Amino acid sequence: MTGTICSVANCKSNHAKAKKDGEIIRFFTFPRSPLTRKQWVRLCHRKNNFNPLNKRICSKHFDSNQFEDLIHAKLTNSVCSKLKKTALPTLFLPNKTEKVNSERNKRYEVRQRKEIVSIF
């Protein structure tokens, strides 16, 4: 799963960094149910052309009560690894009013500033 990154806008979680830091993070595929998948995509705050087919969301965005194996994980001192079918990402999501800055947007803003400076 190397190279896996979280699809939630402004989330910097990725598998390689978590492994290096010794942090235990799970990455979950988008649900098969079209309705639930649409809700996940909306909560990620991505553009309209976002394709969730091969994307993931990290476990940081799910409350503990959204896991099916919570009791088993606590008894065996392990990590929850299975989401309920109705689970929705609810934690650490971008605010609706918060501007979602991707690397592309940042580069665009830098270019705009350079053009303004060159005019003067």
Protein backbone atom coordinates (compact mmCIF):
# COMPACT_ATOMS: atom_id res chain seq x y z
CA MET A 1 0.00 0.00 0.00
CA THR A 2 2.97 2.31 -0.41
CA GLY A 3 2.03 5.61 -1.94
CA THR A 4 -1.48 5.55 -0.51
CA ILE A 5 -2.69 9.04 0.37
CA CYS A 6 -5.87 10.34 1.93
CA SER A 7 -8.43 11.88 -0.44
CA VAL A 8 -9.86 14.38 2.02
CA ALA A 9 -8.87 17.89 1.00
CA ASN A 10 -6.13 19.36 3.21
CA CYS A 11 -5.34 15.97 4.82
CA LYS A 12 -1.64 15.21 4.65
CA SER A 13 -1.88 11.57 5.74
CA ASN A 14 -0.08 9.03 3.62
CA HIS A 15 1.07 5.46 4.16
CA ALA A 16 4.81 6.08 3.80
CA LYS A 17 4.86 8.95 6.31
CA ALA A 18 2.73 7.03 8.81
CA LYS A 19 4.99 3.99 8.56
CA LYS A 20 8.10 6.14 8.99
CA ASP A 21 6.61 7.89 12.04
CA GLY A 22 5.33 4.63 13.55
CA GLU A 23 1.76 5.90 13.32
CA ILE A 24 -0.95 3.32 12.70
CA ILE A 25 -3.37 4.59 10.07
CA ARG A 26 -5.75 2.53 7.97
CA PHE A 27 -6.90 3.60 4.52
CA PHE A 28 -10.41 2.71 3.39
CA THR A 29 -11.73 2.44 -0.15
CA PHE A 30 -14.85 4.34 -1.11
CA PRO A 31 -18.06 2.35 -0.58
CA ARG A 32 -19.73 0.44 -3.41
CA SER A 33 -23.13 1.88 -2.61
CA PRO A 34 -23.61 4.84 -5.00
CA LEU A 35 -25.48 6.92 -2.41
CA THR A 36 -22.89 6.44 0.34
CA ARG A 37 -20.02 6.94 -2.12
CA LYS A 38 -21.56 10.23 -3.24
CA GLN A 39 -21.75 11.37 0.41
CA TRP A 40 -18.08 10.47 0.97
CA VAL A 41 -17.03 12.39 -2.15
CA ARG A 42 -19.03 15.43 -1.01
CA LEU A 43 -17.41 15.29 2.44
CA CYS A 44 -13.93 15.15 0.86
CA HIS A 45 -14.53 18.59 -0.71
CA ARG A 46 -13.00 17.66 -4.05
CA LYS A 47 -13.78 19.00 -7.51
CA ASN A 48 -16.54 17.57 -9.73
CA ASN A 49 -14.09 15.48 -11.78
CA PHE A 50 -12.91 13.55 -8.68
CA ASN A 51 -12.98 9.79 -9.39
CA PRO A 52 -13.26 7.76 -6.15
CA LEU A 53 -12.65 4.46 -7.92
CA ASN A 54 -9.03 4.08 -6.78
CA LYS A 55 -8.98 6.62 -3.93
CA ARG A 56 -8.83 6.11 -0.15
CA ILE A 57 -9.76 7.95 3.05
CA CYS A 58 -7.63 7.53 6.16
CA SER A 59 -8.90 6.32 9.53
CA LYS A 60 -8.33 9.75 11.09
CA HIS A 61 -11.63 10.88 9.59
CA PHE A 62 -13.80 8.20 11.21
CA ASP A 63 -15.19 8.23 14.74
CA SER A 64 -14.57 5.04 16.75
CA ASN A 65 -18.28 4.15 16.82
CA GLN A 66 -18.23 3.81 13.00
CA PHE A 67 -16.16 0.62 13.12
CA GLU A 68 -17.69 -2.86 13.17
CA ASP A 69 -14.81 -4.50 15.00
CA LEU A 70 -14.37 -1.97 17.82
CA ILE A 71 -14.97 -4.46 20.64
CA HIS A 72 -12.74 -7.07 19.01
CA ALA A 73 -9.97 -4.51 18.57
CA LYS A 74 -10.18 -3.45 22.20
CA LEU A 75 -10.13 -7.05 23.46
CA THR A 76 -7.17 -8.03 21.30
CA ASN A 77 -5.39 -4.68 21.70
CA SER A 78 -5.34 -4.20 17.93
CA VAL A 79 -6.49 -1.57 15.46
CA CYS A 80 -10.03 -1.31 14.07
CA SER A 81 -10.00 -2.31 10.45
CA LYS A 82 -13.59 -2.69 9.27
CA LEU A 83 -16.03 0.16 8.81
CA LYS A 84 -19.78 -0.17 9.17
CA LYS A 85 -21.61 -0.01 5.84
CA THR A 86 -23.23 3.26 6.94
CA ALA A 87 -19.99 4.90 8.12
CA LEU A 88 -19.32 8.46 6.99
CA PRO A 89 -16.12 10.45 7.47
CA THR A 90 -16.93 13.06 10.12
CA LEU A 91 -13.65 14.05 11.78
CA PHE A 92 -11.07 16.61 10.63
CA LEU A 93 -12.96 17.57 7.48
CA PRO A 94 -12.45 20.90 5.70
CA ASN A 95 -14.95 23.55 6.67
CA LYS A 96 -17.43 24.49 3.94
CA THR A 97 -16.25 28.10 4.08
CA GLU A 98 -12.59 27.12 4.31
CA LYS A 99 -10.76 27.48 1.04
CA VAL A 100 -9.40 24.13 -0.04
CA ASN A 101 -5.87 24.76 -1.27
CA SER A 102 -4.28 22.13 -3.40
CA GLU A 103 -0.74 22.35 -4.67
CA ARG A 104 -2.11 23.40 -8.03
CA ASN A 105 -4.05 26.32 -6.51
CA LYS A 106 -0.94 27.45 -4.63
CA ARG A 107 1.13 27.45 -7.83
CA TYR A 108 -1.61 29.40 -9.60
CA GLU A 109 -1.65 32.04 -6.84
CA VAL A 110 2.14 32.41 -7.02
CA ARG A 111 1.91 32.89 -10.79
CA GLN A 112 -0.79 35.54 -10.35
CA ARG A 113 1.35 37.45 -7.83
CA LYS A 114 4.34 37.35 -10.19
CA GLU A 115 2.23 38.74 -13.01
CA ILE A 116 0.97 41.58 -10.81
CA VAL A 117 4.51 42.43 -9.69
CA SER A 118 5.81 42.38 -13.28
CA ILE A 119 3.14 44.91 -14.31
CA PHE A 120 4.61 47.44 -11.91
